[in-house]
């Protein structure tokens, strides 16, 4: 039986001026809703709202990303192992991808931590649909995760191979510290 639970989390970006206010709700599924406001690493102002609907097993069902500064909006709906946009157009470039990384929120780093089966410190490469706040666009890319301890997971960026960071999580797997990126406040 799943207990109803709701909590609010606030993260501060560490390398650019931004704050994320995230509401995490668990009932028959999981909902992650957040509002991120600030400037990107390229000094572009943003106010972005995201809403993620997940199963209780952390499988993504639907993702919405909306700019509050203009009319840009992205919606992804997952049906089986395929993704569709708000017009129900099949996005074939994302077939087989199970995870979404919304760059302006460390909540999405919780998804691979909760979903991957770590065998010791074995490294796992995962495909993600990556949201780039600078371009307000999506792309497919790979990321690497490995388990360092029960509450620490190593993130490695494939595009920027020098970027490696040990992410600390709480008992629920929600990010508390993502060095160089975010800190829970």
Protein backbone atom coordinates (compact mmCIF):
# COMPACT_ATOMS: atom_id res chain seq x y z
CA UNK A 1 0.00 0.00 0.00
CA UNK A 2 1.27 3.46 -0.94
CA UNK A 3 0.93 6.23 1.62
CA UNK A 4 -0.20 9.65 0.43
CA UNK A 5 2.66 12.08 0.81
CA UNK A 6 3.41 15.62 -0.33
CA UNK A 7 6.53 17.68 0.22
CA UNK A 8 8.13 20.83 -1.09
CA UNK A 9 11.80 21.06 -1.98
CA UNK A 10 13.82 24.14 -2.93
CA UNK A 11 17.10 23.90 -4.82
CA UNK A 12 19.55 26.70 -5.54
CA UNK A 13 21.64 26.52 -8.71
CA UNK A 14 25.35 26.86 -7.95
CA UNK A 15 26.86 27.97 -11.27
CA UNK A 16 24.19 30.42 -12.45
CA UNK A 17 21.49 32.51 -10.70
CA UNK A 18 18.45 30.27 -10.42
CA UNK A 19 16.08 28.75 -7.87
CA UNK A 20 13.83 25.73 -8.29
CA UNK A 21 10.73 25.23 -6.14
CA UNK A 22 9.58 21.62 -6.50
CA UNK A 23 6.47 19.90 -5.14
CA UNK A 24 6.74 16.14 -4.91
CA UNK A 25 3.50 14.22 -4.43
CA UNK A 26 3.13 10.47 -3.97
CA UNK A 27 -0.30 8.83 -3.96
CA UNK A 28 -1.32 6.22 -6.57
CA UNK A 29 1.56 7.54 -8.67
CA UNK A 30 4.22 10.19 -8.40
CA UNK A 31 3.89 13.79 -9.52
CA UNK A 32 6.82 16.16 -9.75
CA UNK A 33 5.85 19.77 -10.32
CA UNK A 34 8.36 22.57 -10.33
CA UNK A 35 8.95 26.21 -11.08
CA UNK A 36 12.46 27.36 -11.96
CA UNK A 37 13.29 31.05 -12.24
CA UNK A 38 16.60 32.70 -13.03
CA UNK A 39 19.16 33.09 -15.78
CA UNK A 40 20.84 30.31 -17.72
CA UNK A 41 24.58 29.74 -17.84
CA UNK A 42 24.46 31.89 -21.01
CA UNK A 43 22.75 34.74 -19.09
CA UNK A 44 19.33 34.15 -20.71
CA UNK A 45 16.41 34.92 -18.32
CA UNK A 46 13.89 32.12 -17.80
CA UNK A 47 10.81 31.20 -15.83
CA UNK A 48 9.93 27.59 -16.55
CA UNK A 49 7.22 25.39 -15.12
CA UNK A 50 7.48 21.61 -15.41
CA UNK A 51 5.07 18.84 -14.51
CA UNK A 52 5.99 15.15 -14.57
CA UNK A 53 3.51 12.34 -14.09
CA UNK A 54 5.13 9.03 -13.09
CA UNK A 55 4.00 5.59 -12.05
CA UNK A 56 4.71 4.49 -8.49
CA UNK A 57 7.67 2.56 -9.99
CA UNK A 58 9.17 5.83 -11.36
CA UNK A 59 8.25 5.17 -15.01
CA UNK A 60 7.47 8.42 -16.82
CA UNK A 61 3.95 8.71 -18.22
CA UNK A 62 3.84 12.39 -19.19
CA UNK A 63 6.03 15.50 -19.09
CA UNK A 64 5.05 19.12 -19.67
CA UNK A 65 7.51 22.02 -19.84
CA UNK A 66 6.19 25.56 -20.19
CA UNK A 67 7.90 28.94 -20.45
CA UNK A 68 6.15 31.58 -18.35
CA UNK A 69 7.91 34.38 -20.29
CA UNK A 70 6.40 33.54 -23.68
CA UNK A 71 4.20 30.89 -25.34
CA UNK A 72 6.75 28.06 -25.68
CA UNK A 73 5.44 24.72 -24.49
CA UNK A 74 6.61 21.10 -24.77
CA UNK A 75 4.53 18.08 -23.91
CA UNK A 76 5.74 14.49 -24.02
CA UNK A 77 3.46 11.49 -23.54
CA UNK A 78 4.92 8.01 -23.24
CA UNK A 79 2.91 5.12 -24.66
CA UNK A 80 4.69 1.80 -24.35
CA UNK A 81 8.27 2.57 -25.38
CA UNK A 82 7.31 5.44 -27.69
CA UNK A 83 6.99 9.19 -27.14
CA UNK A 84 4.36 11.52 -28.55
CA UNK A 85 4.03 15.31 -28.51
CA UNK A 86 0.98 17.44 -27.68
CA UNK A 87 -0.38 16.89 -31.22
CA UNK A 88 -0.06 13.11 -30.77
CA UNK A 89 2.82 13.04 -33.26
CA UNK A 90 5.11 10.06 -32.73
CA UNK A 91 8.63 11.32 -31.91
CA UNK A 92 10.58 8.41 -33.40
CA UNK A 93 13.98 9.91 -32.44
CA UNK A 94 13.15 9.15 -28.80
CA UNK A 95 11.90 5.56 -29.22
CA UNK A 96 13.29 3.30 -26.51
CA UNK A 97 14.34 6.17 -24.24
CA UNK A 98 12.90 5.80 -20.73
CA UNK A 99 14.25 8.91 -18.96
CA UNK A 100 13.90 12.68 -19.30
CA UNK A 101 16.45 15.18 -18.00
CA UNK A 102 15.11 18.70 -17.47
CA UNK A 103 18.35 20.63 -17.17
CA UNK A 104 16.98 23.29 -14.83
CA UNK A 105 15.88 20.81 -12.13
CA UNK A 106 17.82 18.16 -10.20
CA UNK A 107 14.55 16.26 -9.71
CA UNK A 108 15.16 14.53 -13.03
CA UNK A 109 18.51 13.19 -11.74
CA UNK A 110 16.44 11.25 -9.21
CA UNK A 111 14.83 9.25 -12.04
CA UNK A 112 17.89 7.18 -13.07
CA UNK A 113 18.91 6.81 -9.42
CA UNK A 114 15.49 5.32 -8.59
CA UNK A 115 15.07 3.28 -11.78
CA UNK A 116 18.49 1.78 -12.50
CA UNK A 117 19.53 -1.48 -10.87
CA UNK A 118 23.05 -0.92 -9.58
CA UNK A 119 25.28 -3.96 -9.12
CA UNK A 120 27.95 -2.64 -6.77
CA UNK A 121 29.71 0.34 -8.32
CA UNK A 122 29.07 -0.81 -11.88
CA UNK A 123 28.74 2.12 -14.31
CA UNK A 124 25.53 2.38 -16.34
CA UNK A 125 25.09 4.38 -19.50
CA UNK A 126 21.52 5.62 -20.09
CA UNK A 127 19.78 7.39 -22.94
CA UNK A 128 17.76 10.43 -21.92
CA UNK A 129 15.55 13.01 -23.58
CA UNK A 130 17.41 16.16 -22.59
CA UNK A 131 15.68 19.53 -22.23
CA UNK A 132 18.02 22.44 -23.01
CA UNK A 133 16.74 25.63 -21.36
CA UNK A 134 18.98 27.83 -23.53
CA UNK A 135 17.25 26.68 -26.73
CA UNK A 136 13.97 25.45 -25.19
CA UNK A 137 14.48 22.23 -27.14
CA UNK A 138 14.80 18.48 -26.73
CA UNK A 139 17.56 16.13 -27.85
CA UNK A 140 18.59 12.56 -27.22
CA UNK A 141 21.85 12.04 -25.38
CA UNK A 142 23.60 9.62 -23.06
CA UNK A 143 24.60 10.02 -19.43
CA UNK A 144 26.57 7.76 -17.10
CA UNK A 145 25.57 6.91 -13.51
CA UNK A 146 27.22 4.68 -10.95
CA UNK A 147 26.51 3.96 -7.30
CA UNK A 148 29.21 5.11 -4.87
CA UNK A 149 27.25 4.42 -1.65
CA UNK A 150 23.62 4.14 -0.50
CA UNK A 151 23.16 7.90 -0.72
CA UNK A 152 25.82 8.92 -3.26
CA UNK A 153 25.70 8.40 -7.01
CA UNK A 154 28.30 9.48 -9.55
CA UNK A 155 27.09 11.39 -12.61
CA UNK A 156 29.35 11.61 -15.65
CA UNK A 157 28.62 13.77 -18.67
CA UNK A 158 29.47 12.19 -22.03
CA UNK A 159 29.42 15.50 -23.94
CA UNK A 160 31.64 17.19 -21.33
CA UNK A 161 33.84 14.23 -20.25
CA UNK A 162 35.66 16.34 -17.66
CA UNK A 163 32.39 16.89 -15.80
CA UNK A 164 32.00 14.28 -13.05
CA UNK A 165 29.99 14.92 -9.90
CA UNK A 166 28.93 12.82 -6.91
CA UNK A 167 25.24 13.46 -6.28
CA UNK A 168 23.99 13.04 -2.71
CA UNK A 169 20.37 11.97 -2.16
CA UNK A 170 18.03 11.60 0.80
CA UNK A 171 16.29 8.36 1.86
CA UNK A 172 13.76 8.73 -0.98
CA UNK A 173 16.46 9.22 -3.61
CA UNK A 174 15.71 12.94 -4.03
CA UNK A 175 18.76 15.11 -4.67
CA UNK A 176 20.17 17.02 -1.71
CA UNK A 177 23.49 18.04 -3.26
CA UNK A 178 24.68 18.00 -6.88
CA UNK A 179 28.15 19.63 -6.64
CA UNK A 180 28.76 22.43 -9.16
CA UNK A 181 25.06 22.31 -10.13
CA UNK A 182 22.44 22.38 -7.32
CA UNK A 183 22.14 22.42 -3.54
CA UNK A 184 18.93 21.82 -1.59
CA UNK A 185 18.17 24.80 0.66
